[in-house]
Amino acid sequence: MKSSKLKVKAILLDLDGTIVDSKEAYLEAVEAAFATIKQKIVNAKTVTEIPKRLEQNLPISDIIKADTRKFLEIYLKTYYKATATKAKPLPNVDNALEKLSQKAKLALITMRCVPKRKIMDELENFGLEKYFQHIMTALDTRNPKPAPDALIECARQLGIQTRDCIFVGDSVADVKAGKNAGVKTVAVLSGIFSRKELEKEKPDLILENVNQLPGFLE
């Protein structure tokens, strides 16, 4: 991938941290959940540490000194509600999607546990829904990322072999899911994971953001 441009038939993209900036929603969710259990936020790093661990199915019991189930119930409820108003498109992402849609079929895969209609409404509000031929949420698959199920089903819906797809995401789970599905993986640094964290998973390519991707495709 580094020495020549890719020729692909489908580009599967993650949502949060890849297409939209959801950091304000993470903050609102963390603040609401900590307030509910009457615990002070440990430090600023906690705002991103919580979603990082949840995405990787890692425990949070060393951070939460109360009922973690109650914390997570409030956290997730607040987060899903907050994304409707706090999530916003990353800079120039519309131009990137326009260019990418001219090169391959585009699909969106998000592990937000919400109906597909909510995601479509959000994308329509941003003027981005028109670029995607298929959208999947956590409600559309039994096994979320890093399992490959959502990616494989998405490729099937597009009528494209997984070997002809790339998956673009900002997280460790995104890279693992891509590798598990047998697609090429592109990690972007526009989310909450660091370059060092993503490098450990050995994606095929690491970019600052999705805006750079068109330059790496035929």
N, C-alpha and C. Protein backbone atom coordinates (compact mmCIF):
# COMPACT_ATOMS: atom_id res chain seq x y z
N MET A 1 0.81 -1.20 0.00
CA MET A 1 0.00 0.00 0.00
C MET A 1 0.85 1.27 0.00
N LYS A 2 2.02 1.18 0.54
CA LYS A 2 2.83 2.37 0.71
C LYS A 2 3.56 2.77 -0.57
N SER A 3 3.79 1.78 -1.47
CA SER A 3 4.59 2.06 -2.65
C SER A 3 3.76 2.30 -3.90
N SER A 4 2.49 1.89 -3.89
CA SER A 4 1.65 2.08 -5.06
C SER A 4 0.22 2.34 -4.63
N LYS A 5 -0.54 2.91 -5.57
CA LYS A 5 -1.91 3.23 -5.25
C LYS A 5 -2.79 1.99 -5.29
N LEU A 6 -3.83 2.03 -4.47
CA LEU A 6 -4.76 0.91 -4.36
C LEU A 6 -5.88 1.01 -5.39
N LYS A 7 -6.29 -0.13 -5.88
CA LYS A 7 -7.48 -0.21 -6.69
C LYS A 7 -8.50 -1.01 -5.91
N VAL A 8 -9.57 -0.37 -5.46
CA VAL A 8 -10.57 -1.05 -4.65
C VAL A 8 -11.95 -0.83 -5.25
N LYS A 9 -12.87 -1.71 -4.88
CA LYS A 9 -14.24 -1.61 -5.38
C LYS A 9 -15.21 -1.10 -4.33
N ALA A 10 -14.81 -1.21 -3.06
CA ALA A 10 -15.69 -0.72 -2.00
C ALA A 10 -14.85 -0.18 -0.85
N ILE A 11 -15.34 0.89 -0.25
CA ILE A 11 -14.68 1.50 0.90
C ILE A 11 -15.68 1.50 2.05
N LEU A 12 -15.37 0.77 3.09
CA LEU A 12 -16.21 0.72 4.28
C LEU A 12 -15.62 1.69 5.30
N LEU A 13 -16.46 2.54 5.86
CA LEU A 13 -15.97 3.57 6.77
C LEU A 13 -16.67 3.50 8.12
N ASP A 14 -15.88 3.70 9.16
CA ASP A 14 -16.40 3.87 10.51
C ASP A 14 -17.01 5.28 10.59
N LEU A 15 -17.79 5.53 11.65
CA LEU A 15 -18.44 6.83 11.79
C LEU A 15 -17.70 7.75 12.77
N ASP A 16 -17.78 7.45 14.06
CA ASP A 16 -17.20 8.32 15.09
C ASP A 16 -15.68 8.33 15.04
N GLY A 17 -15.12 9.52 14.90
CA GLY A 17 -13.67 9.65 14.83
C GLY A 17 -13.11 9.50 13.43
N THR A 18 -13.95 9.05 12.51
CA THR A 18 -13.52 8.86 11.11
C THR A 18 -14.24 9.82 10.18
N ILE A 19 -15.56 9.91 10.34
CA ILE A 19 -16.39 10.81 9.54
C ILE A 19 -16.83 12.02 10.38
N VAL A 20 -17.16 11.75 11.64
CA VAL A 20 -17.62 12.82 12.51
C VAL A 20 -16.77 12.91 13.78
N ASP A 21 -16.73 14.10 14.35
CA ASP A 21 -16.04 14.35 15.62
C ASP A 21 -17.07 14.21 16.74
N SER A 22 -16.88 13.22 17.61
CA SER A 22 -17.83 12.94 18.68
C SER A 22 -17.28 13.22 20.07
N LYS A 23 -16.18 13.95 20.13
CA LYS A 23 -15.53 14.17 21.43
C LYS A 23 -16.42 14.91 22.42
N GLU A 24 -17.22 15.87 21.95
CA GLU A 24 -18.12 16.59 22.85
C GLU A 24 -19.19 15.66 23.41
N ALA A 25 -19.63 14.70 22.61
CA ALA A 25 -20.61 13.72 23.08
C ALA A 25 -19.99 12.81 24.13
N TYR A 26 -18.74 12.41 23.93
CA TYR A 26 -18.03 11.61 24.94
C TYR A 26 -17.96 12.37 26.26
N LEU A 27 -17.64 13.65 26.18
CA LEU A 27 -17.52 14.47 27.38
C LEU A 27 -18.85 14.56 28.12
N GLU A 28 -19.91 14.83 27.38
CA GLU A 28 -21.22 14.95 28.02
C GLU A 28 -21.63 13.63 28.68
N ALA A 29 -21.34 12.51 28.02
CA ALA A 29 -21.70 11.20 28.56
C ALA A 29 -20.92 10.89 29.83
N VAL A 30 -19.63 11.17 29.82
CA VAL A 30 -18.80 10.92 31.00
C VAL A 30 -19.24 11.78 32.18
N GLU A 31 -19.50 13.05 31.92
CA GLU A 31 -19.92 13.95 32.99
C GLU A 31 -21.24 13.51 33.60
N ALA A 32 -22.19 13.11 32.77
CA ALA A 32 -23.50 12.68 33.27
C ALA A 32 -23.39 11.40 34.07
N ALA A 33 -22.59 10.46 33.60
CA ALA A 33 -22.45 9.17 34.29
C ALA A 33 -21.74 9.32 35.63
N PHE A 34 -20.69 10.12 35.67
CA PHE A 34 -19.98 10.34 36.93
C PHE A 34 -20.87 11.09 37.93
N ALA A 35 -21.66 12.02 37.44
CA ALA A 35 -22.57 12.76 38.32
C ALA A 35 -23.60 11.82 38.94
N THR A 36 -24.06 10.87 38.15
CA THR A 36 -25.06 9.92 38.63
C THR A 36 -24.53 9.06 39.77
N ILE A 37 -23.28 8.63 39.67
CA ILE A 37 -22.71 7.78 40.73
C ILE A 37 -22.01 8.62 41.80
N LYS A 38 -22.14 9.97 41.66
CA LYS A 38 -21.56 10.90 42.65
C LYS A 38 -20.07 10.68 42.85
N GLN A 39 -19.37 10.56 41.72
CA GLN A 39 -17.91 10.41 41.75
C GLN A 39 -17.31 11.48 40.85
N LYS A 40 -16.21 12.06 41.27
CA LYS A 40 -15.52 13.04 40.46
C LYS A 40 -14.78 12.36 39.33
N ILE A 41 -14.73 13.04 38.19
CA ILE A 41 -13.94 12.52 37.06
C ILE A 41 -12.47 12.50 37.49
N VAL A 42 -11.82 11.38 37.26
CA VAL A 42 -10.44 11.19 37.71
C VAL A 42 -9.53 12.26 37.13
N ASN A 43 -9.52 12.39 35.80
CA ASN A 43 -8.74 13.42 35.11
C ASN A 43 -9.26 13.57 33.69
N ALA A 44 -8.72 14.52 32.97
CA ALA A 44 -9.20 14.80 31.62
C ALA A 44 -9.06 13.58 30.70
N LYS A 45 -8.05 12.78 30.93
CA LYS A 45 -7.81 11.60 30.10
C LYS A 45 -8.97 10.60 30.18
N THR A 46 -9.71 10.63 31.29
CA THR A 46 -10.82 9.70 31.49
C THR A 46 -11.88 9.84 30.41
N VAL A 47 -12.04 11.05 29.88
CA VAL A 47 -13.07 11.30 28.87
C VAL A 47 -12.88 10.42 27.65
N THR A 48 -11.64 10.18 27.26
CA THR A 48 -11.38 9.30 26.11
C THR A 48 -11.03 7.88 26.54
N GLU A 49 -10.56 7.72 27.77
CA GLU A 49 -10.19 6.38 28.24
C GLU A 49 -11.42 5.47 28.35
N ILE A 50 -12.54 6.02 28.80
CA ILE A 50 -13.77 5.22 28.92
C ILE A 50 -14.19 4.64 27.57
N PRO A 51 -14.40 5.46 26.53
CA PRO A 51 -14.79 4.88 25.24
C PRO A 51 -13.73 3.97 24.63
N LYS A 52 -12.47 4.26 24.88
CA LYS A 52 -11.42 3.37 24.38
C LYS A 52 -11.58 1.97 24.95
N ARG A 53 -11.80 1.91 26.25
CA ARG A 53 -11.93 0.60 26.90
C ARG A 53 -13.21 -0.12 26.49
N LEU A 54 -14.30 0.62 26.38
CA LEU A 54 -15.56 0.00 25.98
C LEU A 54 -15.45 -0.59 24.58
N GLU A 55 -14.78 0.12 23.69
CA GLU A 55 -14.63 -0.38 22.32
C GLU A 55 -13.80 -1.65 22.28
N GLN A 56 -12.89 -1.82 23.23
CA GLN A 56 -12.02 -2.99 23.26
C GLN A 56 -12.48 -4.05 24.26
N ASN A 57 -13.69 -3.84 24.81
CA ASN A 57 -14.23 -4.77 25.82
C ASN A 57 -13.30 -4.95 27.00
N LEU A 58 -12.67 -3.86 27.43
CA LEU A 58 -11.77 -3.89 28.57
C LEU A 58 -12.51 -3.37 29.82
N PRO A 59 -12.15 -3.85 31.01
CA PRO A 59 -12.83 -3.42 32.24
C PRO A 59 -12.57 -1.96 32.57
N ILE A 60 -13.52 -1.36 33.28
CA ILE A 60 -13.37 0.03 33.74
C ILE A 60 -13.48 0.10 35.26
N SER A 61 -13.44 -1.05 35.91
CA SER A 61 -13.64 -1.11 37.36
C SER A 61 -12.55 -0.39 38.14
N ASP A 62 -11.38 -0.19 37.55
CA ASP A 62 -10.32 0.54 38.25
C ASP A 62 -10.55 2.05 38.21
N ILE A 63 -11.45 2.49 37.32
CA ILE A 63 -11.78 3.91 37.20
C ILE A 63 -13.07 4.23 37.94
N ILE A 64 -14.05 3.35 37.79
CA ILE A 64 -15.37 3.57 38.37
C ILE A 64 -15.45 2.91 39.75
N LYS A 65 -15.57 3.72 40.79
CA LYS A 65 -15.61 3.20 42.16
C LYS A 65 -17.05 3.03 42.63
N ALA A 66 -17.87 2.51 41.76
CA ALA A 66 -19.29 2.30 42.08
C ALA A 66 -19.82 1.20 41.16
N ASP A 67 -21.12 1.10 41.07
CA ASP A 67 -21.75 0.09 40.22
C ASP A 67 -21.47 0.43 38.74
N THR A 68 -20.62 -0.36 38.11
CA THR A 68 -20.26 -0.07 36.72
C THR A 68 -21.44 -0.24 35.77
N ARG A 69 -22.36 -1.11 36.11
CA ARG A 69 -23.53 -1.31 35.25
C ARG A 69 -24.39 -0.04 35.21
N LYS A 70 -24.57 0.56 36.39
CA LYS A 70 -25.34 1.81 36.46
C LYS A 70 -24.61 2.90 35.70
N PHE A 71 -23.30 2.97 35.87
CA PHE A 71 -22.49 3.97 35.17
C PHE A 71 -22.65 3.81 33.67
N LEU A 72 -22.51 2.59 33.18
CA LEU A 72 -22.58 2.35 31.73
C LEU A 72 -23.96 2.61 31.17
N GLU A 73 -24.98 2.32 31.95
CA GLU A 73 -26.35 2.58 31.49
C GLU A 73 -26.55 4.07 31.22
N ILE A 74 -26.12 4.91 32.17
CA ILE A 74 -26.24 6.35 32.01
C ILE A 74 -25.31 6.86 30.92
N TYR A 75 -24.09 6.34 30.90
CA TYR A 75 -23.09 6.77 29.92
C TYR A 75 -23.58 6.55 28.50
N LEU A 76 -24.02 5.33 28.21
CA LEU A 76 -24.44 5.01 26.84
C LEU A 76 -25.72 5.75 26.45
N LYS A 77 -26.66 5.83 27.38
CA LYS A 77 -27.91 6.55 27.08
C LYS A 77 -27.61 8.01 26.75
N THR A 78 -26.75 8.62 27.55
CA THR A 78 -26.39 10.02 27.32
C THR A 78 -25.60 10.19 26.03
N TYR A 79 -24.68 9.27 25.79
CA TYR A 79 -23.84 9.38 24.60
C TYR A 79 -24.68 9.31 23.32
N TYR A 80 -25.55 8.32 23.23
CA TYR A 80 -26.36 8.18 22.02
C TYR A 80 -27.26 9.39 21.81
N LYS A 81 -27.76 9.96 22.89
CA LYS A 81 -28.60 11.15 22.78
C LYS A 81 -27.75 12.36 22.38
N ALA A 82 -26.56 12.47 22.97
CA ALA A 82 -25.70 13.63 22.72
C ALA A 82 -25.17 13.67 21.29
N THR A 83 -24.93 12.50 20.70
CA THR A 83 -24.38 12.50 19.33
C THR A 83 -25.32 13.18 18.34
N ALA A 84 -26.62 13.19 18.66
CA ALA A 84 -27.59 13.80 17.75
C ALA A 84 -27.35 15.31 17.60
N THR A 85 -26.80 15.93 18.65
CA THR A 85 -26.59 17.38 18.61
C THR A 85 -25.12 17.79 18.74
N LYS A 86 -24.30 16.93 19.34
CA LYS A 86 -22.91 17.30 19.60
C LYS A 86 -21.93 16.79 18.55
N ALA A 87 -22.27 15.69 17.88
CA ALA A 87 -21.37 15.19 16.83
C ALA A 87 -21.41 16.14 15.64
N LYS A 88 -20.26 16.32 15.00
CA LYS A 88 -20.20 17.22 13.86
C LYS A 88 -19.22 16.66 12.82
N PRO A 89 -19.43 16.96 11.56
CA PRO A 89 -18.54 16.42 10.52
C PRO A 89 -17.11 16.90 10.73
N LEU A 90 -16.17 16.03 10.50
CA LEU A 90 -14.78 16.44 10.53
C LEU A 90 -14.51 17.40 9.37
N PRO A 91 -13.54 18.29 9.50
CA PRO A 91 -13.29 19.30 8.46
C PRO A 91 -13.08 18.69 7.07
N ASN A 92 -13.79 19.23 6.09
CA ASN A 92 -13.65 18.86 4.66
C ASN A 92 -14.00 17.41 4.36
N VAL A 93 -14.69 16.72 5.27
CA VAL A 93 -14.99 15.32 5.02
C VAL A 93 -15.95 15.15 3.85
N ASP A 94 -16.79 16.15 3.60
CA ASP A 94 -17.71 16.06 2.47
C ASP A 94 -16.95 15.99 1.15
N ASN A 95 -15.89 16.78 1.04
CA ASN A 95 -15.07 16.75 -0.18
C ASN A 95 -14.39 15.40 -0.35
N ALA A 96 -13.92 14.84 0.77
CA ALA A 96 -13.26 13.54 0.72
C ALA A 96 -14.23 12.45 0.28
N LEU A 97 -15.44 12.47 0.83
CA LEU A 97 -16.43 11.46 0.46
C LEU A 97 -16.85 11.58 -0.99
N GLU A 98 -16.93 12.81 -1.48
CA GLU A 98 -17.26 13.03 -2.88
C GLU A 98 -16.21 12.38 -3.78
N LYS A 99 -14.94 12.60 -3.46
CA LYS A 99 -13.85 12.01 -4.25
C LYS A 99 -13.84 10.49 -4.14
N LEU A 100 -14.04 9.99 -2.92
CA LEU A 100 -14.01 8.54 -2.71
C LEU A 100 -15.18 7.86 -3.42
N SER A 101 -16.34 8.51 -3.44
CA SER A 101 -17.51 7.91 -4.08
C SER A 101 -17.35 7.80 -5.59
N GLN A 102 -16.42 8.56 -6.14
CA GLN A 102 -16.14 8.47 -7.57
C GLN A 102 -15.19 7.32 -7.90
N LYS A 103 -14.57 6.78 -6.87
CA LYS A 103 -13.60 5.70 -7.06
C LYS A 103 -14.14 4.33 -6.68
N ALA A 104 -15.13 4.28 -5.76
CA ALA A 104 -15.63 3.00 -5.27
C ALA A 104 -16.97 3.19 -4.59
N LYS A 105 -17.65 2.07 -4.32
CA LYS A 105 -18.89 2.11 -3.55
C LYS A 105 -18.53 2.40 -2.08
N LEU A 106 -19.35 3.23 -1.43
CA LEU A 106 -19.10 3.56 -0.04
C LEU A 106 -20.19 2.99 0.86
N ALA A 107 -19.77 2.53 2.03
CA ALA A 107 -20.71 2.05 3.04
C ALA A 107 -20.23 2.50 4.41
N LEU A 108 -21.16 2.64 5.33
CA LEU A 108 -20.84 3.10 6.68
C LEU A 108 -21.17 2.01 7.69
N ILE A 109 -20.22 1.77 8.61
CA ILE A 109 -20.43 0.79 9.66
C ILE A 109 -20.17 1.47 11.00
N THR A 110 -21.20 1.54 11.84
CA THR A 110 -21.02 2.13 13.16
C THR A 110 -21.49 1.15 14.23
N MET A 111 -20.80 1.14 15.35
CA MET A 111 -21.21 0.29 16.45
C MET A 111 -22.07 1.04 17.46
N ARG A 112 -22.59 2.21 17.05
CA ARG A 112 -23.61 2.83 17.88
C ARG A 112 -24.83 1.92 17.90
N CYS A 113 -25.35 1.67 19.08
CA CYS A 113 -26.49 0.76 19.22
C CYS A 113 -27.79 1.55 19.07
N VAL A 114 -28.02 2.00 17.87
CA VAL A 114 -29.20 2.82 17.57
C VAL A 114 -29.79 2.36 16.24
N PRO A 115 -31.07 2.65 15.99
CA PRO A 115 -31.67 2.29 14.70
C PRO A 115 -30.95 2.98 13.55
N LYS A 116 -30.92 2.33 12.43
CA LYS A 116 -30.25 2.87 11.25
C LYS A 116 -30.82 4.25 10.85
N ARG A 117 -32.12 4.43 11.08
CA ARG A 117 -32.76 5.69 10.70
C ARG A 117 -32.13 6.88 11.40
N LYS A 118 -31.69 6.70 12.66
CA LYS A 118 -31.07 7.79 13.40
C LYS A 118 -29.74 8.21 12.76
N ILE A 119 -28.99 7.21 12.31
CA ILE A 119 -27.73 7.50 11.64
C ILE A 119 -27.97 8.19 10.31
N MET A 120 -28.96 7.72 9.59
CA MET A 120 -29.28 8.32 8.30
C MET A 120 -29.72 9.77 8.47
N ASP A 121 -30.51 10.03 9.52
CA ASP A 121 -30.96 11.40 9.78
C ASP A 121 -29.77 12.31 10.10
N GLU A 122 -28.83 11.78 10.89
CA GLU A 122 -27.64 12.57 11.24
C GLU A 122 -26.83 12.89 10.00
N LEU A 123 -26.63 11.89 9.16
CA LEU A 123 -25.85 12.09 7.95
C LEU A 123 -26.56 13.03 6.98
N GLU A 124 -27.88 12.91 6.90
CA GLU A 124 -28.64 13.82 6.03
C GLU A 124 -28.50 15.26 6.51
N ASN A 125 -28.51 15.44 7.81
CA ASN A 125 -28.36 16.77 8.39
C ASN A 125 -27.01 17.39 8.01
N PHE A 126 -26.00 16.52 7.86
CA PHE A 126 -24.66 16.99 7.48
C PHE A 126 -24.48 17.04 5.97
N GLY A 127 -25.46 16.55 5.22
CA GLY A 127 -25.34 16.49 3.76
C GLY A 127 -24.44 15.36 3.29
N LEU A 128 -24.32 14.29 4.12
CA LEU A 128 -23.38 13.21 3.80
C LEU A 128 -24.06 11.89 3.44
N GLU A 129 -25.34 11.77 3.72
CA GLU A 129 -26.03 10.49 3.54
C GLU A 129 -25.99 10.00 2.09
N LYS A 130 -26.00 10.95 1.16
CA LYS A 130 -26.06 10.62 -0.27
C LYS A 130 -24.85 9.83 -0.77
N TYR A 131 -23.76 9.85 -0.02
CA TYR A 131 -22.55 9.17 -0.48
C TYR A 131 -22.54 7.68 -0.16
N PHE A 132 -23.41 7.23 0.73
CA PHE A 132 -23.34 5.85 1.20
C PHE A 132 -24.43 4.97 0.60
N GLN A 133 -24.00 3.85 0.04
CA GLN A 133 -24.93 2.91 -0.56
C GLN A 133 -25.49 1.92 0.46
N HIS A 134 -24.84 1.82 1.60
CA HIS A 134 -25.35 0.93 2.65
C HIS A 134 -24.86 1.43 4.00
N ILE A 135 -25.70 1.27 5.02
CA ILE A 135 -25.36 1.69 6.38
C ILE A 135 -25.71 0.57 7.35
N MET A 136 -24.80 0.30 8.27
CA MET A 136 -25.04 -0.72 9.29
C MET A 136 -24.74 -0.16 10.67
N THR A 137 -25.57 -0.52 11.66
CA THR A 137 -25.32 -0.15 13.05
C THR A 137 -25.16 -1.42 13.86
N ALA A 138 -24.90 -1.26 15.16
CA ALA A 138 -24.73 -2.42 16.03
C ALA A 138 -25.99 -3.27 16.10
N LEU A 139 -27.13 -2.68 15.80
CA LEU A 139 -28.39 -3.43 15.82
C LEU A 139 -28.52 -4.38 14.63
N ASP A 140 -27.65 -4.21 13.66
CA ASP A 140 -27.72 -5.03 12.44
C ASP A 140 -26.81 -6.25 12.49
N THR A 141 -26.11 -6.45 13.60
CA THR A 141 -25.20 -7.60 13.70
C THR A 141 -25.18 -8.14 15.12
N ARG A 142 -25.01 -9.43 15.24
CA ARG A 142 -24.96 -10.05 16.58
C ARG A 142 -23.61 -9.82 17.24
N ASN A 143 -22.58 -9.80 16.42
CA ASN A 143 -21.23 -9.70 16.95
C ASN A 143 -20.57 -8.41 16.49
N PRO A 144 -20.39 -7.45 17.40
CA PRO A 144 -19.80 -6.16 17.03
C PRO A 144 -18.30 -6.26 16.79
N LYS A 145 -17.73 -5.20 16.25
CA LYS A 145 -16.27 -5.14 16.09
C LYS A 145 -15.61 -5.39 17.44
N PRO A 146 -14.50 -6.13 17.47
CA PRO A 146 -13.61 -6.50 16.35
C PRO A 146 -14.00 -7.75 15.57
N ALA A 147 -15.19 -8.32 15.85
CA ALA A 147 -15.65 -9.43 15.02
C ALA A 147 -15.84 -8.93 13.59
N PRO A 148 -15.66 -9.80 12.60
CA PRO A 148 -15.72 -9.36 11.20
C PRO A 148 -17.12 -9.33 10.62
N ASP A 149 -18.12 -9.77 11.38
CA ASP A 149 -19.46 -9.99 10.85
C ASP A 149 -20.04 -8.79 10.10
N ALA A 150 -19.96 -7.61 10.72
CA ALA A 150 -20.57 -6.42 10.10
C ALA A 150 -19.90 -6.08 8.77
N LEU A 151 -18.58 -6.23 8.72
CA LEU A 151 -17.85 -5.90 7.50
C LEU A 151 -18.17 -6.89 6.39
N ILE A 152 -18.22 -8.16 6.75
CA ILE A 152 -18.52 -9.19 5.76
C ILE A 152 -19.93 -9.02 5.20
N GLU A 153 -20.88 -8.74 6.09
CA GLU A 153 -22.27 -8.55 5.64
C GLU A 153 -22.40 -7.29 4.79
N CYS A 154 -21.68 -6.26 5.17
CA CYS A 154 -21.73 -5.01 4.42
C CYS A 154 -21.18 -5.21 3.00
N ALA A 155 -20.08 -5.92 2.88
CA ALA A 155 -19.51 -6.22 1.56
C ALA A 155 -20.50 -7.04 0.73
N ARG A 156 -21.17 -7.97 1.39
CA ARG A 156 -22.16 -8.80 0.69
C ARG A 156 -23.31 -7.95 0.16
N GLN A 157 -23.77 -7.02 1.00
CA GLN A 157 -24.86 -6.13 0.58
C GLN A 157 -24.46 -5.28 -0.62
N LEU A 158 -23.18 -4.93 -0.69
CA LEU A 158 -22.69 -4.12 -1.81
C LEU A 158 -22.40 -4.97 -3.05
N GLY A 159 -22.35 -6.29 -2.86
CA GLY A 159 -22.04 -7.18 -3.97
C GLY A 159 -20.56 -7.18 -4.31
N ILE A 160 -19.71 -6.95 -3.31
CA ILE A 160 -18.27 -6.86 -3.51
C ILE A 160 -17.56 -7.91 -2.65
N GLN A 161 -16.55 -8.57 -3.19
CA GLN A 161 -15.74 -9.50 -2.41
C GLN A 161 -14.94 -8.72 -1.35
N THR A 162 -14.77 -9.33 -0.18
CA THR A 162 -14.05 -8.64 0.89
C THR A 162 -12.62 -8.28 0.47
N ARG A 163 -12.01 -9.10 -0.35
CA ARG A 163 -10.63 -8.82 -0.77
C ARG A 163 -10.53 -7.55 -1.60
N ASP A 164 -11.68 -7.07 -2.12
CA ASP A 164 -11.70 -5.85 -2.92
C ASP A 164 -12.19 -4.64 -2.11
N CYS A 165 -12.20 -4.80 -0.77
CA CYS A 165 -12.66 -3.73 0.10
C CYS A 165 -11.53 -3.19 0.98
N ILE A 166 -11.69 -1.97 1.44
CA ILE A 166 -10.84 -1.46 2.51
C ILE A 166 -11.76 -0.95 3.61
N PHE A 167 -11.29 -1.04 4.84
CA PHE A 167 -12.05 -0.51 5.97
C PHE A 167 -11.25 0.61 6.61
N VAL A 168 -11.90 1.75 6.77
CA VAL A 168 -11.25 2.94 7.32
C VAL A 168 -11.86 3.24 8.69
N GLY A 169 -10.99 3.28 9.72
CA GLY A 169 -11.49 3.55 11.05
C GLY A 169 -10.42 4.17 11.93
N ASP A 170 -10.85 4.67 13.08
CA ASP A 170 -9.92 5.38 13.97
C ASP A 170 -9.50 4.56 15.18
N SER A 171 -9.99 3.33 15.30
CA SER A 171 -9.77 2.59 16.55
C SER A 171 -9.04 1.28 16.36
N VAL A 172 -8.56 0.76 17.47
CA VAL A 172 -7.92 -0.56 17.51
C VAL A 172 -8.91 -1.62 17.04
N ALA A 173 -10.16 -1.53 17.50
CA ALA A 173 -11.18 -2.50 17.11
C ALA A 173 -11.46 -2.45 15.62
N ASP A 174 -11.38 -1.27 15.02
CA ASP A 174 -11.60 -1.15 13.57
C ASP A 174 -10.54 -1.91 12.79
N VAL A 175 -9.28 -1.75 13.19
CA VAL A 175 -8.20 -2.44 12.49
C VAL A 175 -8.34 -3.95 12.67
N LYS A 176 -8.64 -4.38 13.88
CA LYS A 176 -8.80 -5.81 14.14
C LYS A 176 -9.96 -6.38 13.34
N ALA A 177 -11.06 -5.65 13.28
CA ALA A 177 -12.22 -6.11 12.51
C ALA A 177 -11.88 -6.25 11.04
N GLY A 178 -11.15 -5.27 10.52
CA GLY A 178 -10.75 -5.33 9.12
C GLY A 178 -9.88 -6.54 8.82
N LYS A 179 -8.91 -6.78 9.68
CA LYS A 179 -8.03 -7.92 9.49
C LYS A 179 -8.81 -9.23 9.61
N ASN A 180 -9.72 -9.30 10.57
CA ASN A 180 -10.53 -10.50 10.75
C ASN A 180 -11.44 -10.77 9.56
N ALA A 181 -11.84 -9.70 8.87
CA ALA A 181 -12.72 -9.84 7.72
C ALA A 181 -11.95 -10.08 6.42
N GLY A 182 -10.64 -9.91 6.46
CA GLY A 182 -9.84 -10.11 5.26
C GLY A 182 -9.85 -8.93 4.32
N VAL A 183 -10.11 -7.73 4.85
CA VAL A 183 -10.07 -6.53 4.02
C VAL A 183 -8.81 -5.74 4.34
N LYS A 184 -8.44 -4.84 3.47
CA LYS A 184 -7.30 -3.96 3.75
C LYS A 184 -7.73 -2.94 4.81
N THR A 185 -6.80 -2.53 5.64
CA THR A 185 -7.14 -1.66 6.75
C THR A 185 -6.42 -0.32 6.68
N VAL A 186 -7.18 0.74 6.89
CA VAL A 186 -6.63 2.09 6.95
C VAL A 186 -7.04 2.70 8.28
N ALA A 187 -6.06 3.07 9.09
CA ALA A 187 -6.32 3.72 10.37
C ALA A 187 -6.13 5.22 10.23
N VAL A 188 -7.03 5.99 10.84
CA VAL A 188 -6.91 7.44 10.80
C VAL A 188 -6.71 7.98 12.22
N LEU A 189 -5.99 9.09 12.31
CA LEU A 189 -5.63 9.67 13.61
C LEU A 189 -6.58 10.78 14.04
N SER A 190 -7.77 10.82 13.45
CA SER A 190 -8.73 11.88 13.72
C SER A 190 -9.67 11.55 14.88
N GLY A 191 -9.47 10.36 15.49
CA GLY A 191 -10.33 9.95 16.59
C GLY A 191 -9.63 10.05 17.93
N ILE A 192 -9.88 9.07 18.80
CA ILE A 192 -9.36 9.13 20.17
C ILE A 192 -8.15 8.21 20.40
N PHE A 193 -7.77 7.45 19.39
CA PHE A 193 -6.63 6.56 19.54
C PHE A 193 -5.36 7.20 18.99
N SER A 194 -4.25 6.93 19.64
CA SER A 194 -2.97 7.51 19.22
C SER A 194 -2.33 6.69 18.11
N ARG A 195 -1.35 7.29 17.46
CA ARG A 195 -0.60 6.56 16.44
C ARG A 195 0.05 5.30 17.03
N LYS A 196 0.62 5.44 18.22
CA LYS A 196 1.29 4.32 18.87
C LYS A 196 0.32 3.16 19.12
N GLU A 197 -0.88 3.48 19.57
CA GLU A 197 -1.89 2.44 19.82
C GLU A 197 -2.30 1.76 18.53
N LEU A 198 -2.46 2.52 17.48
CA LEU A 198 -2.89 1.96 16.20
C LEU A 198 -1.76 1.18 15.52
N GLU A 199 -0.53 1.65 15.65
CA GLU A 199 0.61 0.96 15.04
C GLU A 199 0.76 -0.46 15.55
N LYS A 200 0.39 -0.69 16.81
CA LYS A 200 0.50 -2.02 17.40
C LYS A 200 -0.35 -3.05 16.65
N GLU A 201 -1.43 -2.57 16.01
CA GLU A 201 -2.32 -3.48 15.29
C GLU A 201 -1.89 -3.69 13.84
N LYS A 202 -0.85 -2.96 13.41
CA LYS A 202 -0.29 -3.12 12.07
C LYS A 202 -1.32 -2.95 10.93
N PRO A 203 -1.99 -1.82 10.89
CA PRO A 203 -2.87 -1.57 9.73
C PRO A 203 -2.03 -1.41 8.47
N ASP A 204 -2.66 -1.55 7.33
CA ASP A 204 -1.93 -1.41 6.07
C ASP A 204 -1.46 0.03 5.86
N LEU A 205 -2.20 0.96 6.43
CA LEU A 205 -1.86 2.37 6.23
C LEU A 205 -2.39 3.19 7.39
N ILE A 206 -1.63 4.20 7.80
CA ILE A 206 -2.09 5.13 8.83
C ILE A 206 -2.06 6.54 8.23
N LEU A 207 -3.18 7.23 8.30
CA LEU A 207 -3.30 8.58 7.76
C LEU A 207 -3.75 9.54 8.85
N GLU A 208 -3.48 10.82 8.65
CA GLU A 208 -3.93 11.82 9.60
C GLU A 208 -5.46 11.85 9.66
N ASN A 209 -6.09 11.75 8.51
CA ASN A 209 -7.55 11.76 8.45
C ASN A 209 -8.00 11.21 7.10
N VAL A 210 -9.30 11.04 6.95
CA VAL A 210 -9.84 10.43 5.74
C VAL A 210 -9.64 11.32 4.51
N ASN A 211 -9.40 12.61 4.72
CA ASN A 211 -9.19 13.51 3.58
C ASN A 211 -7.97 13.12 2.74
N GLN A 212 -7.03 12.41 3.35
CA GLN A 212 -5.83 12.00 2.63
C GLN A 212 -6.04 10.74 1.80
N LEU A 213 -7.10 10.01 2.08
CA LEU A 213 -7.28 8.70 1.44
C LEU A 213 -7.40 8.75 -0.09
N PRO A 214 -8.13 9.70 -0.70
CA PRO A 214 -8.24 9.69 -2.16
C PRO A 214 -6.89 9.66 -2.86
N GLY A 215 -5.89 10.26 -2.28
CA GLY A 215 -4.57 10.29 -2.90
C GLY A 215 -3.86 8.95 -2.92
N PHE A 216 -4.38 7.98 -2.16
CA PHE A 216 -3.76 6.65 -2.10
C PHE A 216 -4.54 5.63 -2.93
N LEU A 217 -5.58 6.08 -3.63
CA LEU A 217 -6.40 5.18 -4.44
C LEU A 217 -6.28 5.51 -5.92
N GLU A 218 -6.40 4.49 -6.73
CA GLU A 218 -6.38 4.71 -8.19
C GLU A 218 -7.62 5.46 -8.62
